[in-house]
Amino acid sequence: MLGNVREWCWDLYNPGYYASSPASDPTGPGTGYLYRILRGGGWGDSVPYLRCAYRWSDWPDDTDLYHGFRLARRAGP
């Protein structure tokens, strides 16, 4: 799944957040930040960036050939 486009995430970006975040399933800072998280790497990125743990940040309304998103649906009850 990696290597196509960087994926937009719902999390806001705070460069120091992970130093004090929960170890399991951190949700990102609550409010007060302008940038959103992008995960992984895109087709034009070099190999070190093609991993899901790699984080980028950008304005939420930015468009780029390397930015995309994945639609996900939760199964009903």
Protein backbone atom coordinates (compact mmCIF):
# COMPACT_ATOMS: atom_id res chain seq x y z
CA MET A 1 0.00 0.00 0.00
CA LEU A 2 2.96 2.34 0.39
CA GLY A 3 4.64 4.28 -2.37
CA ASN A 4 1.63 5.54 -4.30
CA VAL A 5 0.84 8.83 -2.54
CA ARG A 6 1.33 10.29 0.93
CA GLU A 7 -1.89 9.76 2.83
CA TRP A 8 -3.72 12.56 4.62
CA CYS A 9 -4.56 11.77 8.23
CA TRP A 10 -7.07 13.44 10.50
CA ASP A 11 -4.41 14.25 13.13
CA LEU A 12 -3.16 17.79 13.58
CA TYR A 13 0.61 18.26 13.45
CA ASN A 14 2.63 19.25 16.50
CA PRO A 15 6.36 18.55 16.09
CA GLY A 16 6.82 17.69 19.79
CA TYR A 17 3.66 15.66 20.31
CA TYR A 18 5.11 12.16 20.11
CA ALA A 19 7.66 12.86 22.85
CA SER A 20 4.81 12.94 25.40
CA SER A 21 1.99 11.04 23.64
CA PRO A 22 0.51 7.69 24.67
CA ALA A 23 2.56 4.73 23.44
CA SER A 24 -0.50 3.03 21.94
CA ASP A 25 -2.79 4.70 19.39
CA PRO A 26 -1.87 8.38 19.85
CA THR A 27 -4.61 10.61 18.44
CA GLY A 28 -2.59 13.78 17.90
CA PRO A 29 -2.91 17.14 19.63
CA GLY A 30 -6.47 18.36 20.19
CA THR A 31 -6.58 21.88 18.77
CA GLY A 32 -4.46 24.93 18.14
CA TYR A 33 -2.36 23.66 15.24
CA LEU A 34 -2.77 24.46 11.56
CA TYR A 35 -1.00 21.64 9.76
CA ARG A 36 -2.34 18.11 9.20
CA ILE A 37 -0.36 14.88 9.11
CA LEU A 38 0.55 13.01 5.95
CA ARG A 39 1.89 9.46 6.32
CA GLY A 40 4.10 7.35 4.11
CA GLY A 41 5.72 8.33 0.86
CA GLY A 42 4.61 9.09 -2.66
CA TRP A 43 5.70 7.78 -6.02
CA GLY A 44 8.30 10.55 -6.38
CA ASP A 45 9.90 10.10 -2.95
CA SER A 46 13.12 8.20 -2.30
CA VAL A 47 13.20 4.85 -0.50
CA PRO A 48 13.76 6.09 3.11
CA TYR A 49 10.38 7.88 3.01
CA LEU A 50 8.38 4.87 1.81
CA ARG A 51 7.28 3.61 5.20
CA CYS A 52 4.06 4.19 7.12
CA ALA A 53 5.88 5.60 10.16
CA TYR A 54 7.26 8.53 8.17
CA ARG A 55 5.29 11.72 8.88
CA TRP A 56 4.99 14.83 6.77
CA SER A 57 2.92 17.90 7.50
CA ASP A 58 1.17 20.38 5.25
CA TRP A 59 -1.72 22.82 5.09
CA PRO A 60 -5.03 20.93 4.95
CA ASP A 61 -6.10 22.66 1.73
CA ASP A 62 -2.84 21.98 -0.13
CA THR A 63 -2.99 19.95 -3.33
CA ASP A 64 -0.01 18.06 -4.65
CA LEU A 65 0.73 15.12 -6.97
CA TYR A 66 2.15 13.29 -3.94
CA HIS A 67 -0.85 13.80 -1.61
CA GLY A 68 -3.89 11.56 -1.50
CA PHE A 69 -6.24 9.83 0.89
CA ARG A 70 -7.75 6.44 1.47
CA LEU A 71 -11.42 5.87 2.01
CA ALA A 72 -12.21 3.40 4.73
CA ARG A 73 -15.54 2.01 5.82
CA ARG A 74 -16.29 0.33 9.07
CA ALA A 75 -18.42 -2.79 8.78
CA GLY A 76 -21.87 -2.49 10.29
CA PRO A 77 -23.02 -4.43 13.36
